[in-house]
Amino acid sequence: MRKRKRKKSTKSAKSAGLPYKFDENKKKEILSCFANGYEKHTDIAQLTGLHRQTIGDWIRDGWITQDEIFRARNAAKLKAQKIVFDVFDKFDIDRVGGDTVVKTALWWLERKYPEEFAQKIEQRIKVEMAQKIVIQILEVIKHEIPDPAIRQRIADGLRKIYNI
């Protein structure tokens, strides 16, 4: 893959080969946006006064590393966790329900990290429900399979599995 050549700026940018407008303060500003939970380059561009493509170029070219972005995003996660855990430590869980800051932090954590923070919906089928389903399947089999021997083998197999 060929590297894209950059036009040299006629303005007096840093002479060390850094892209125009790049400085450590802008980098910190961008990483701060990631640390505050912003993900889209468009949002970060509006907050920093840069073009979204400039931010993408700086990341692609390594001026801002993926490791730095990961650490900043992790800081946002830790900040939201801290809000939630601090409130749970100080107050009774029933009283926390009305706290907007906590609700917001929980909402953000559930959507950003569902595997860790989203409420798990239990999808177990009770034995009685499974038996009702098998009986309905047996009724369908009775009407759809004309051969009584095959029908009986299927029914016996299902009854054996679900103890009907």
N, C-alpha and C. Protein backbone atom coordinates (compact mmCIF):
# COMPACT_ATOMS: atom_id res chain seq x y z
N MET A 1 0.84 -1.17 0.00
CA MET A 1 0.00 0.00 0.00
C MET A 1 0.89 1.24 0.00
N ARG A 2 0.64 2.14 -0.91
CA ARG A 2 1.44 3.35 -1.00
C ARG A 2 1.00 4.36 0.03
N LYS A 3 1.97 5.05 0.57
CA LYS A 3 1.66 6.09 1.52
C LYS A 3 1.30 7.36 0.78
N ARG A 4 0.33 8.03 1.31
CA ARG A 4 -0.13 9.27 0.69
C ARG A 4 0.87 10.38 1.01
N LYS A 5 1.24 11.13 -0.02
CA LYS A 5 2.17 12.24 0.20
C LYS A 5 1.41 13.43 0.71
N ARG A 6 1.97 14.08 1.69
CA ARG A 6 1.34 15.26 2.26
C ARG A 6 1.95 16.51 1.63
N LYS A 7 1.09 17.48 1.38
CA LYS A 7 1.59 18.75 0.88
C LYS A 7 2.26 19.47 2.03
N LYS A 8 3.37 20.08 1.75
CA LYS A 8 4.04 20.86 2.78
C LYS A 8 3.33 22.19 2.93
N SER A 9 3.11 22.54 4.15
CA SER A 9 2.41 23.78 4.43
C SER A 9 3.35 24.96 4.20
N THR A 10 2.81 26.01 3.65
CA THR A 10 3.61 27.22 3.46
C THR A 10 3.64 28.03 4.75
N LYS A 11 2.71 27.71 5.66
CA LYS A 11 2.69 28.41 6.93
C LYS A 11 3.78 27.84 7.82
N SER A 12 4.17 28.59 8.80
CA SER A 12 5.28 28.15 9.64
C SER A 12 4.80 27.16 10.68
N ALA A 13 4.70 25.91 10.28
CA ALA A 13 4.35 24.85 11.21
C ALA A 13 5.63 24.37 11.88
N LYS A 14 5.48 23.41 12.73
CA LYS A 14 6.66 22.89 13.41
C LYS A 14 7.60 22.32 12.36
N SER A 15 8.88 22.54 12.52
CA SER A 15 9.85 22.11 11.52
C SER A 15 10.23 20.64 11.67
N ALA A 16 9.68 19.95 12.65
CA ALA A 16 10.05 18.56 12.88
C ALA A 16 9.23 17.59 12.03
N GLY A 17 8.58 18.06 11.01
CA GLY A 17 7.79 17.20 10.14
C GLY A 17 6.39 16.93 10.67
N LEU A 18 5.99 17.63 11.68
CA LEU A 18 4.66 17.46 12.23
C LEU A 18 3.64 18.10 11.30
N PRO A 19 2.43 17.56 11.25
CA PRO A 19 1.40 18.18 10.41
C PRO A 19 1.02 19.56 10.94
N TYR A 20 0.55 20.37 10.03
CA TYR A 20 0.12 21.72 10.39
C TYR A 20 -0.99 21.63 11.43
N LYS A 21 -1.01 22.53 12.38
CA LYS A 21 -1.96 22.63 13.47
C LYS A 21 -1.71 21.64 14.59
N PHE A 22 -0.88 20.63 14.38
CA PHE A 22 -0.69 19.63 15.43
C PHE A 22 0.21 20.19 16.52
N ASP A 23 -0.25 20.06 17.73
CA ASP A 23 0.60 20.32 18.88
C ASP A 23 0.08 19.47 20.04
N GLU A 24 0.84 19.38 21.09
CA GLU A 24 0.48 18.52 22.22
C GLU A 24 -0.83 18.96 22.87
N ASN A 25 -1.12 20.27 22.85
CA ASN A 25 -2.38 20.74 23.45
C ASN A 25 -3.59 20.23 22.67
N LYS A 26 -3.50 20.23 21.33
CA LYS A 26 -4.59 19.71 20.51
C LYS A 26 -4.75 18.20 20.74
N LYS A 27 -3.62 17.51 20.87
CA LYS A 27 -3.64 16.08 21.14
C LYS A 27 -4.34 15.81 22.47
N LYS A 28 -3.98 16.57 23.50
CA LYS A 28 -4.60 16.40 24.82
C LYS A 28 -6.10 16.71 24.75
N GLU A 29 -6.45 17.70 23.96
CA GLU A 29 -7.85 18.08 23.79
C GLU A 29 -8.65 16.93 23.14
N ILE A 30 -8.07 16.33 22.12
CA ILE A 30 -8.72 15.21 21.43
C ILE A 30 -8.85 14.02 22.38
N LEU A 31 -7.78 13.69 23.09
CA LEU A 31 -7.83 12.57 24.02
C LEU A 31 -8.79 12.84 25.17
N SER A 32 -8.92 14.09 25.55
CA SER A 32 -9.88 14.47 26.58
C SER A 32 -11.31 14.21 26.10
N CYS A 33 -11.56 14.47 24.83
CA CYS A 33 -12.89 14.18 24.26
C CYS A 33 -13.17 12.68 24.33
N PHE A 34 -12.18 11.86 23.96
CA PHE A 34 -12.36 10.41 24.06
C PHE A 34 -12.59 10.01 25.52
N ALA A 35 -11.87 10.65 26.44
CA ALA A 35 -12.00 10.34 27.87
C ALA A 35 -13.35 10.75 28.42
N ASN A 36 -14.01 11.71 27.77
CA ASN A 36 -15.33 12.15 28.21
C ASN A 36 -16.45 11.38 27.52
N GLY A 37 -16.09 10.33 26.76
CA GLY A 37 -17.09 9.46 26.18
C GLY A 37 -17.46 9.76 24.74
N TYR A 38 -16.85 10.76 24.12
CA TYR A 38 -17.15 11.04 22.72
C TYR A 38 -16.43 10.02 21.85
N GLU A 39 -17.12 9.49 20.85
CA GLU A 39 -16.56 8.45 20.00
C GLU A 39 -16.36 8.90 18.57
N LYS A 40 -17.30 9.66 18.05
CA LYS A 40 -17.28 10.03 16.64
C LYS A 40 -16.31 11.18 16.39
N HIS A 41 -15.56 11.04 15.32
CA HIS A 41 -14.60 12.09 14.95
C HIS A 41 -15.32 13.40 14.66
N THR A 42 -16.55 13.31 14.15
CA THR A 42 -17.32 14.52 13.85
C THR A 42 -17.59 15.31 15.13
N ASP A 43 -18.01 14.61 16.19
CA ASP A 43 -18.28 15.28 17.46
C ASP A 43 -17.01 15.89 18.04
N ILE A 44 -15.93 15.12 17.98
CA ILE A 44 -14.66 15.60 18.51
C ILE A 44 -14.17 16.79 17.70
N ALA A 45 -14.38 16.76 16.39
CA ALA A 45 -13.96 17.87 15.54
C ALA A 45 -14.70 19.15 15.93
N GLN A 46 -15.99 19.05 16.18
CA GLN A 46 -16.75 20.24 16.58
C GLN A 46 -16.24 20.80 17.91
N LEU A 47 -15.90 19.91 18.82
CA LEU A 47 -15.44 20.37 20.14
C LEU A 47 -14.03 20.96 20.10
N THR A 48 -13.19 20.46 19.19
CA THR A 48 -11.80 20.91 19.16
C THR A 48 -11.52 21.98 18.11
N GLY A 49 -12.46 22.18 17.19
CA GLY A 49 -12.25 23.17 16.14
C GLY A 49 -11.41 22.65 14.99
N LEU A 50 -11.24 21.35 14.91
CA LEU A 50 -10.51 20.74 13.81
C LEU A 50 -11.50 20.09 12.84
N HIS A 51 -11.02 19.71 11.68
CA HIS A 51 -11.84 18.96 10.74
C HIS A 51 -11.76 17.49 11.12
N ARG A 52 -12.86 16.75 10.92
CA ARG A 52 -12.87 15.33 11.31
C ARG A 52 -11.81 14.54 10.55
N GLN A 53 -11.56 14.93 9.31
CA GLN A 53 -10.55 14.23 8.51
C GLN A 53 -9.15 14.45 9.10
N THR A 54 -8.92 15.63 9.64
CA THR A 54 -7.63 15.93 10.26
C THR A 54 -7.41 14.99 11.44
N ILE A 55 -8.44 14.82 12.25
CA ILE A 55 -8.33 13.92 13.40
C ILE A 55 -8.06 12.50 12.91
N GLY A 56 -8.79 12.06 11.90
CA GLY A 56 -8.57 10.73 11.33
C GLY A 56 -7.17 10.57 10.78
N ASP A 57 -6.67 11.60 10.11
CA ASP A 57 -5.30 11.55 9.56
C ASP A 57 -4.27 11.43 10.67
N TRP A 58 -4.45 12.20 11.73
CA TRP A 58 -3.49 12.16 12.84
C TRP A 58 -3.48 10.79 13.51
N ILE A 59 -4.64 10.18 13.60
CA ILE A 59 -4.71 8.84 14.20
C ILE A 59 -4.08 7.82 13.24
N ARG A 60 -4.45 7.91 11.98
CA ARG A 60 -3.91 6.98 10.99
C ARG A 60 -2.39 7.10 10.86
N ASP A 61 -1.89 8.33 10.91
CA ASP A 61 -0.46 8.56 10.74
C ASP A 61 0.34 8.32 12.03
N GLY A 62 -0.37 8.05 13.12
CA GLY A 62 0.33 7.70 14.36
C GLY A 62 0.67 8.86 15.27
N TRP A 63 0.19 10.06 14.96
CA TRP A 63 0.46 11.20 15.84
C TRP A 63 -0.35 11.03 17.14
N ILE A 64 -1.49 10.38 17.01
CA ILE A 64 -2.27 9.96 18.17
C ILE A 64 -2.41 8.45 18.03
N THR A 65 -1.88 7.71 18.99
CA THR A 65 -1.84 6.25 18.85
C THR A 65 -3.15 5.61 19.33
N GLN A 66 -3.39 4.41 18.84
CA GLN A 66 -4.56 3.66 19.26
C GLN A 66 -4.49 3.34 20.76
N ASP A 67 -3.29 3.14 21.26
CA ASP A 67 -3.11 2.87 22.68
C ASP A 67 -3.54 4.07 23.53
N GLU A 68 -3.21 5.26 23.07
CA GLU A 68 -3.62 6.47 23.79
C GLU A 68 -5.14 6.63 23.77
N ILE A 69 -5.74 6.32 22.63
CA ILE A 69 -7.20 6.40 22.51
C ILE A 69 -7.84 5.35 23.42
N PHE A 70 -7.29 4.15 23.44
CA PHE A 70 -7.83 3.09 24.30
C PHE A 70 -7.78 3.52 25.77
N ARG A 71 -6.65 4.06 26.18
CA ARG A 71 -6.52 4.51 27.58
C ARG A 71 -7.52 5.62 27.89
N ALA A 72 -7.73 6.53 26.96
CA ALA A 72 -8.68 7.62 27.17
C ALA A 72 -10.11 7.08 27.26
N ARG A 73 -10.46 6.16 26.38
CA ARG A 73 -11.80 5.56 26.43
C ARG A 73 -12.00 4.77 27.72
N ASN A 74 -10.96 4.10 28.15
CA ASN A 74 -11.03 3.35 29.40
C ASN A 74 -11.23 4.30 30.57
N ALA A 75 -10.64 5.48 30.49
CA ALA A 75 -10.83 6.49 31.54
C ALA A 75 -12.29 6.90 31.63
N ALA A 76 -12.97 7.00 30.49
CA ALA A 76 -14.40 7.34 30.49
C ALA A 76 -15.20 6.24 31.17
N LYS A 77 -14.87 5.01 30.88
CA LYS A 77 -15.55 3.88 31.50
C LYS A 77 -15.32 3.90 33.02
N LEU A 78 -14.10 4.10 33.42
CA LEU A 78 -13.78 4.13 34.86
C LEU A 78 -14.47 5.29 35.57
N LYS A 79 -14.58 6.43 34.87
CA LYS A 79 -15.25 7.59 35.46
C LYS A 79 -16.74 7.29 35.71
N ALA A 80 -17.38 6.67 34.73
CA ALA A 80 -18.80 6.32 34.89
C ALA A 80 -18.97 5.27 35.99
N GLN A 81 -18.08 4.29 36.03
CA GLN A 81 -18.14 3.28 37.08
C GLN A 81 -17.97 3.92 38.45
N LYS A 82 -17.06 4.84 38.55
CA LYS A 82 -16.79 5.50 39.84
C LYS A 82 -18.03 6.25 40.33
N ILE A 83 -18.71 6.94 39.41
CA ILE A 83 -19.94 7.65 39.79
C ILE A 83 -20.95 6.68 40.38
N VAL A 84 -21.16 5.58 39.69
CA VAL A 84 -22.15 4.60 40.13
C VAL A 84 -21.72 3.97 41.45
N PHE A 85 -20.48 3.52 41.54
CA PHE A 85 -20.02 2.82 42.74
C PHE A 85 -19.97 3.75 43.95
N ASP A 86 -19.58 5.01 43.74
CA ASP A 86 -19.54 5.96 44.86
C ASP A 86 -20.93 6.17 45.44
N VAL A 87 -21.91 6.30 44.58
CA VAL A 87 -23.27 6.51 45.05
C VAL A 87 -23.79 5.27 45.77
N PHE A 88 -23.51 4.09 45.21
CA PHE A 88 -23.96 2.86 45.85
C PHE A 88 -23.28 2.65 47.21
N ASP A 89 -22.04 3.11 47.33
CA ASP A 89 -21.34 2.99 48.62
C ASP A 89 -21.94 3.91 49.67
N LYS A 90 -22.36 5.10 49.27
CA LYS A 90 -22.81 6.12 50.22
C LYS A 90 -24.28 6.01 50.58
N PHE A 91 -25.11 5.52 49.66
CA PHE A 91 -26.54 5.56 49.86
C PHE A 91 -27.15 4.17 49.75
N ASP A 92 -28.36 4.10 50.22
CA ASP A 92 -29.15 2.90 50.07
C ASP A 92 -29.54 2.77 48.59
N ILE A 93 -29.48 1.58 48.05
CA ILE A 93 -29.74 1.37 46.62
C ILE A 93 -31.13 1.86 46.23
N ASP A 94 -32.13 1.70 47.11
CA ASP A 94 -33.49 2.14 46.78
C ASP A 94 -33.57 3.65 46.60
N ARG A 95 -32.74 4.41 47.29
CA ARG A 95 -32.78 5.87 47.20
C ARG A 95 -32.06 6.38 45.96
N VAL A 96 -31.22 5.55 45.36
CA VAL A 96 -30.41 5.98 44.22
C VAL A 96 -31.25 6.15 42.96
N GLY A 97 -32.39 5.47 42.88
CA GLY A 97 -33.21 5.46 41.67
C GLY A 97 -33.51 6.81 41.08
N GLY A 98 -33.64 7.85 41.88
CA GLY A 98 -34.00 9.15 41.36
C GLY A 98 -32.83 10.02 40.97
N ASP A 99 -31.61 9.59 41.22
CA ASP A 99 -30.43 10.41 40.94
C ASP A 99 -30.12 10.41 39.44
N THR A 100 -30.26 11.57 38.82
CA THR A 100 -30.07 11.70 37.37
C THR A 100 -28.66 11.36 36.93
N VAL A 101 -27.67 11.78 37.71
CA VAL A 101 -26.28 11.52 37.34
C VAL A 101 -26.02 10.01 37.33
N VAL A 102 -26.51 9.32 38.33
CA VAL A 102 -26.31 7.88 38.40
C VAL A 102 -27.06 7.18 37.28
N LYS A 103 -28.29 7.61 37.00
CA LYS A 103 -29.06 7.01 35.91
C LYS A 103 -28.33 7.19 34.59
N THR A 104 -27.77 8.37 34.39
CA THR A 104 -27.04 8.64 33.15
C THR A 104 -25.81 7.76 33.05
N ALA A 105 -25.06 7.65 34.14
CA ALA A 105 -23.86 6.82 34.14
C ALA A 105 -24.21 5.35 33.88
N LEU A 106 -25.27 4.88 34.54
CA LEU A 106 -25.70 3.49 34.32
C LEU A 106 -26.15 3.27 32.88
N TRP A 107 -26.93 4.22 32.35
CA TRP A 107 -27.39 4.12 30.97
C TRP A 107 -26.21 4.03 30.01
N TRP A 108 -25.23 4.91 30.21
CA TRP A 108 -24.06 4.94 29.33
C TRP A 108 -23.28 3.63 29.42
N LEU A 109 -23.07 3.14 30.63
CA LEU A 109 -22.34 1.89 30.80
C LEU A 109 -23.09 0.71 30.17
N GLU A 110 -24.40 0.66 30.33
CA GLU A 110 -25.18 -0.44 29.76
C GLU A 110 -25.10 -0.46 28.24
N ARG A 111 -25.10 0.71 27.61
CA ARG A 111 -25.06 0.75 26.15
C ARG A 111 -23.67 0.63 25.58
N LYS A 112 -22.70 1.17 26.28
CA LYS A 112 -21.33 1.14 25.79
C LYS A 112 -20.68 -0.22 26.04
N TYR A 113 -21.00 -0.84 27.18
CA TYR A 113 -20.40 -2.11 27.56
C TYR A 113 -21.50 -3.09 27.98
N PRO A 114 -22.36 -3.50 27.03
CA PRO A 114 -23.51 -4.33 27.41
C PRO A 114 -23.11 -5.68 28.01
N GLU A 115 -22.00 -6.25 27.54
CA GLU A 115 -21.59 -7.55 28.06
C GLU A 115 -21.22 -7.50 29.55
N GLU A 116 -20.85 -6.33 30.03
CA GLU A 116 -20.48 -6.19 31.43
C GLU A 116 -21.59 -5.59 32.30
N PHE A 117 -22.37 -4.65 31.75
CA PHE A 117 -23.26 -3.86 32.59
C PHE A 117 -24.75 -3.97 32.26
N ALA A 118 -25.10 -4.49 31.11
CA ALA A 118 -26.52 -4.58 30.77
C ALA A 118 -27.18 -5.66 31.62
N GLN A 119 -28.44 -5.42 31.95
CA GLN A 119 -29.16 -6.40 32.74
C GLN A 119 -29.41 -7.63 31.89
N LYS A 120 -29.12 -8.76 32.45
CA LYS A 120 -29.31 -10.02 31.74
C LYS A 120 -30.77 -10.45 31.90
N ILE A 121 -31.40 -10.75 30.78
CA ILE A 121 -32.77 -11.22 30.81
C ILE A 121 -32.71 -12.75 30.84
N GLU A 122 -33.30 -13.29 31.86
CA GLU A 122 -33.28 -14.73 31.98
C GLU A 122 -34.30 -15.33 31.03
N GLN A 123 -33.83 -16.25 30.21
CA GLN A 123 -34.70 -16.83 29.20
C GLN A 123 -34.81 -18.34 29.39
N ARG A 124 -35.05 -18.74 30.60
CA ARG A 124 -35.22 -20.16 30.87
C ARG A 124 -36.69 -20.53 30.66
N ILE A 125 -36.88 -21.72 30.15
CA ILE A 125 -38.23 -22.21 29.96
C ILE A 125 -38.50 -23.18 31.10
N LYS A 126 -39.59 -22.98 31.76
CA LYS A 126 -39.96 -23.89 32.84
C LYS A 126 -40.38 -25.22 32.25
N VAL A 127 -40.28 -26.26 33.06
CA VAL A 127 -40.60 -27.62 32.60
C VAL A 127 -42.03 -27.69 32.08
N GLU A 128 -42.96 -27.04 32.81
CA GLU A 128 -44.35 -27.08 32.38
C GLU A 128 -44.53 -26.46 30.99
N MET A 129 -43.82 -25.36 30.77
CA MET A 129 -43.91 -24.68 29.48
C MET A 129 -43.33 -25.56 28.38
N ALA A 130 -42.21 -26.23 28.65
CA ALA A 130 -41.59 -27.12 27.67
C ALA A 130 -42.52 -28.27 27.34
N GLN A 131 -43.20 -28.80 28.35
CA GLN A 131 -44.12 -29.89 28.11
C GLN A 131 -45.29 -29.44 27.23
N LYS A 132 -45.80 -28.24 27.46
CA LYS A 132 -46.89 -27.72 26.63
C LYS A 132 -46.43 -27.56 25.18
N ILE A 133 -45.20 -27.09 25.00
CA ILE A 133 -44.66 -26.92 23.65
C ILE A 133 -44.55 -28.27 22.95
N VAL A 134 -44.05 -29.28 23.67
CA VAL A 134 -43.90 -30.61 23.08
C VAL A 134 -45.26 -31.18 22.69
N ILE A 135 -46.26 -30.98 23.54
CA ILE A 135 -47.61 -31.47 23.22
C ILE A 135 -48.13 -30.79 21.95
N GLN A 136 -47.88 -29.49 21.79
CA GLN A 136 -48.29 -28.80 20.57
C GLN A 136 -47.55 -29.34 19.35
N ILE A 137 -46.26 -29.63 19.52
CA ILE A 137 -45.47 -30.20 18.42
C ILE A 137 -46.04 -31.57 18.05
N LEU A 138 -46.40 -32.36 19.06
CA LEU A 138 -46.96 -33.69 18.80
C LEU A 138 -48.27 -33.60 18.03
N GLU A 139 -49.07 -32.60 18.34
CA GLU A 139 -50.33 -32.39 17.60
C GLU A 139 -50.06 -32.08 16.13
N VAL A 140 -49.06 -31.24 15.88
CA VAL A 140 -48.70 -30.90 14.50
C VAL A 140 -48.20 -32.15 13.78
N ILE A 141 -47.35 -32.92 14.46
CA ILE A 141 -46.81 -34.14 13.86
C ILE A 141 -47.94 -35.11 13.51
N LYS A 142 -48.92 -35.22 14.40
CA LYS A 142 -50.04 -36.14 14.19
C LYS A 142 -50.78 -35.82 12.89
N HIS A 143 -50.89 -34.53 12.59
CA HIS A 143 -51.62 -34.13 11.39
C HIS A 143 -50.75 -34.08 10.13
N GLU A 144 -49.45 -33.93 10.29
CA GLU A 144 -48.58 -33.73 9.14
C GLU A 144 -47.87 -34.99 8.66
N ILE A 145 -47.66 -35.95 9.56
CA ILE A 145 -46.94 -37.17 9.16
C ILE A 145 -47.95 -38.30 9.03
N PRO A 146 -48.15 -38.78 7.80
CA PRO A 146 -49.18 -39.80 7.58
C PRO A 146 -48.80 -41.19 8.12
N ASP A 147 -47.53 -41.54 8.13
CA ASP A 147 -47.10 -42.89 8.53
C ASP A 147 -47.15 -43.00 10.06
N PRO A 148 -48.01 -43.87 10.60
CA PRO A 148 -48.15 -43.98 12.06
C PRO A 148 -46.88 -44.48 12.76
N ALA A 149 -46.07 -45.31 12.10
CA ALA A 149 -44.85 -45.82 12.73
C ALA A 149 -43.83 -44.70 12.93
N ILE A 150 -43.65 -43.88 11.91
CA ILE A 150 -42.72 -42.74 12.02
C ILE A 150 -43.24 -41.75 13.05
N ARG A 151 -44.52 -41.49 12.98
CA ARG A 151 -45.15 -40.56 13.92
C ARG A 151 -44.93 -41.02 15.37
N GLN A 152 -45.09 -42.32 15.61
CA GLN A 152 -44.94 -42.86 16.96
C GLN A 152 -43.50 -42.77 17.43
N ARG A 153 -42.53 -43.05 16.53
CA ARG A 153 -41.10 -42.95 16.91
C ARG A 153 -40.75 -41.52 17.31
N ILE A 154 -41.22 -40.53 16.56
CA ILE A 154 -40.94 -39.12 16.88
C ILE A 154 -41.59 -38.76 18.20
N ALA A 155 -42.83 -39.15 18.39
CA ALA A 155 -43.54 -38.84 19.63
C ALA A 155 -42.85 -39.47 20.83
N ASP A 156 -42.43 -40.74 20.69
CA ASP A 156 -41.74 -41.42 21.79
C ASP A 156 -40.42 -40.72 22.13
N GLY A 157 -39.71 -40.30 21.08
CA GLY A 157 -38.43 -39.59 21.31
C GLY A 157 -38.64 -38.28 22.06
N LEU A 158 -39.64 -37.51 21.66
CA LEU A 158 -39.92 -36.23 22.34
C LEU A 158 -40.39 -36.45 23.77
N ARG A 159 -41.24 -37.46 23.97
CA ARG A 159 -41.72 -37.74 25.33
C ARG A 159 -40.57 -38.18 26.24
N LYS A 160 -39.66 -38.93 25.67
CA LYS A 160 -38.50 -39.40 26.44
C LYS A 160 -37.62 -38.23 26.88
N ILE A 161 -37.41 -37.28 25.97
CA ILE A 161 -36.56 -36.12 26.27
C ILE A 161 -37.19 -35.26 27.37
N TYR A 162 -38.47 -35.01 27.27
CA TYR A 162 -39.14 -34.07 28.19
C TYR A 162 -39.97 -34.76 29.27
N ASN A 163 -39.82 -36.07 29.43
CA ASN A 163 -40.52 -36.80 30.50
C ASN A 163 -42.01 -36.56 30.52
N ILE A 164 -42.63 -36.71 29.39
CA ILE A 164 -44.09 -36.48 29.32
C ILE A 164 -44.79 -37.81 29.37
